[in-house]
Amino acid sequence: MAKKPGTNPKGEFVFFDVVYEDGSQRSNRRVPAELLGGLDKDEPARGFLMEQDREIAEKSGRPPLKIETLVRTGAKKK
């Protein structure tokens, strides 16, 4: 059954744009917000996304790609 609009808590996930070593990009990759912050800031997101990529690679039979850059979706470039 579908949820009513507005029942999903905001800020549950943080979205990232990921660029891989071959130049391909995946946008809006979701990472639980509870993993982020503190002294490591966004670095735990890299480990979380690498683990997801590894699981996807196992299922597809292809080797996982190395993450080149990781930026929050909508973040301004310096």
C-alpha atoms as a PDB file:
ATOM      1  CA  MET A   1       0.000   0.000   0.000  1.00  0.00           C
ATOM      2  CA  ALA A   2       1.309   3.455  -0.901  1.00  0.00           C
ATOM      3  CA  LYS A   3       2.271   5.930   1.793  1.00  0.00           C
ATOM      4  CA  LYS A   4       0.424   9.189   2.220  1.00  0.00           C
ATOM      5  CA  PRO A   5       2.294  12.236   0.934  1.00  0.00           C
ATOM      6  CA  GLY A   6       4.303  13.947   3.642  1.00  0.00           C
ATOM      7  CA  THR A   7       4.783  10.843   5.811  1.00  0.00           C
ATOM      8  CA  ASN A   8       8.381  10.274   4.696  1.00  0.00           C
ATOM      9  CA  PRO A   9      10.757  12.055   7.083  1.00  0.00           C
ATOM     10  CA  LYS A  10      12.881  14.646   5.308  1.00  0.00           C
ATOM     11  CA  GLY A  11      16.642  14.393   5.526  1.00  0.00           C
ATOM     12  CA  GLU A  12      16.620  10.602   5.697  1.00  0.00           C
ATOM     13  CA  PHE A  13      19.000  10.311   2.733  1.00  0.00           C
ATOM     14  CA  VAL A  14      21.727  12.443   1.178  1.00  0.00           C
ATOM     15  CA  PHE A  15      22.171  12.258  -2.600  1.00  0.00           C
ATOM     16  CA  PHE A  16      25.554  12.095  -4.334  1.00  0.00           C
ATOM     17  CA  ASP A  17      26.813  12.371  -7.919  1.00  0.00           C
ATOM     18  CA  VAL A  18      29.494   9.735  -8.521  1.00  0.00           C
ATOM     19  CA  VAL A  19      32.057   9.788 -11.347  1.00  0.00           C
ATOM     20  CA  TYR A  20      33.909   6.536 -12.019  1.00  0.00           C
ATOM     21  CA  GLU A  21      37.420   5.884 -13.376  1.00  0.00           C
ATOM     22  CA  ASP A  22      36.084   5.237 -16.901  1.00  0.00           C
ATOM     23  CA  GLY A  23      34.390   8.657 -16.972  1.00  0.00           C
ATOM     24  CA  SER A  24      30.853   7.362 -16.473  1.00  0.00           C
ATOM     25  CA  GLN A  25      28.615   9.165 -13.997  1.00  0.00           C
ATOM     26  CA  ARG A  26      25.738   8.097 -11.775  1.00  0.00           C
ATOM     27  CA  SER A  27      23.604  10.834 -10.278  1.00  0.00           C
ATOM     28  CA  ASN A  28      21.435  10.908  -7.175  1.00  0.00           C
ATOM     29  CA  ARG A  29      22.970   7.897  -5.425  1.00  0.00           C
ATOM     30  CA  ARG A  30      21.279   7.651  -2.009  1.00  0.00           C
ATOM     31  CA  VAL A  31      23.271   7.369   1.207  1.00  0.00           C
ATOM     32  CA  PRO A  32      21.643   7.252   4.666  1.00  0.00           C
ATOM     33  CA  ALA A  33      22.158  10.633   6.360  1.00  0.00           C
ATOM     34  CA  GLU A  34      23.005   8.939   9.666  1.00  0.00           C
ATOM     35  CA  LEU A  35      26.332   7.736   8.190  1.00  0.00           C
ATOM     36  CA  LEU A  36      27.524  11.261   7.403  1.00  0.00           C
ATOM     37  CA  GLY A  37      28.832  14.129   9.482  1.00  0.00           C
ATOM     38  CA  GLY A  38      31.323  14.243  12.288  1.00  0.00           C
ATOM     39  CA  LEU A  39      35.027  14.437  11.590  1.00  0.00           C
ATOM     40  CA  ASP A  40      34.844  12.263   8.467  1.00  0.00           C
ATOM     41  CA  LYS A  41      32.134  14.439   6.827  1.00  0.00           C
ATOM     42  CA  ASP A  42      31.161  12.728   3.532  1.00  0.00           C
ATOM     43  CA  GLU A  43      33.934  10.094   3.437  1.00  0.00           C
ATOM     44  CA  PRO A  44      31.712   7.293   4.872  1.00  0.00           C
ATOM     45  CA  ALA A  45      29.515   7.723   1.772  1.00  0.00           C
ATOM     46  CA  ARG A  46      32.383   6.466  -0.399  1.00  0.00           C
ATOM     47  CA  GLY A  47      32.589   3.190   1.542  1.00  0.00           C
ATOM     48  CA  PHE A  48      28.808   2.766   1.489  1.00  0.00           C
ATOM     49  CA  LEU A  49      28.635   3.336  -2.288  1.00  0.00           C
ATOM     50  CA  MET A  50      31.640   1.080  -2.943  1.00  0.00           C
ATOM     51  CA  GLU A  51      29.893  -1.717  -1.038  1.00  0.00           C
ATOM     52  CA  GLN A  52      26.718  -1.191  -3.101  1.00  0.00           C
ATOM     53  CA  ASP A  53      28.770  -1.225  -6.314  1.00  0.00           C
ATOM     54  CA  ARG A  54      30.511  -4.438  -5.241  1.00  0.00           C
ATOM     55  CA  GLU A  55      27.163  -6.164  -4.631  1.00  0.00           C
ATOM     56  CA  ILE A  56      25.807  -4.966  -7.987  1.00  0.00           C
ATOM     57  CA  ALA A  57      28.996  -6.137  -9.733  1.00  0.00           C
ATOM     58  CA  GLU A  58      28.684  -9.605  -8.188  1.00  0.00           C
ATOM     59  CA  LYS A  59      25.128  -9.946  -9.454  1.00  0.00           C
ATOM     60  CA  SER A  60      25.933  -8.630 -12.934  1.00  0.00           C
ATOM     61  CA  GLY A  61      29.186 -10.570 -13.334  1.00  0.00           C
ATOM     62  CA  ARG A  62      31.192  -7.423 -14.117  1.00  0.00           C
ATOM     63  CA  PRO A  63      34.059  -6.013 -12.055  1.00  0.00           C
ATOM     64  CA  PRO A  64      33.209  -2.925  -9.963  1.00  0.00           C
ATOM     65  CA  LEU A  65      34.582   0.418 -11.137  1.00  0.00           C
ATOM     66  CA  LYS A  66      36.751   2.611  -8.927  1.00  0.00           C
ATOM     67  CA  ILE A  67      35.079   5.837  -7.739  1.00  0.00           C
ATOM     68  CA  GLU A  68      37.001   8.835  -9.077  1.00  0.00           C
ATOM     69  CA  THR A  69      35.004  11.686  -7.484  1.00  0.00           C
ATOM     70  CA  LEU A  70      32.094  11.928  -5.091  1.00  0.00           C
ATOM     71  CA  VAL A  71      30.105  15.178  -4.732  1.00  0.00           C
ATOM     72  CA  ARG A  72      26.806  15.937  -3.059  1.00  0.00           C
ATOM     73  CA  THR A  73      24.073  16.464  -5.647  1.00  0.00           C
ATOM     74  CA  GLY A  74      23.514  20.167  -6.148  1.00  0.00           C
ATOM     75  CA  ALA A  75      26.717  21.201  -4.345  1.00  0.00           C
ATOM     76  CA  LYS A  76      28.431  24.211  -5.844  1.00  0.00           C
ATOM     77  CA  LYS A  77      31.864  23.646  -7.355  1.00  0.00           C
ATOM     78  CA  LYS A  78      34.722  25.569  -5.737  1.00  0.00           C
END
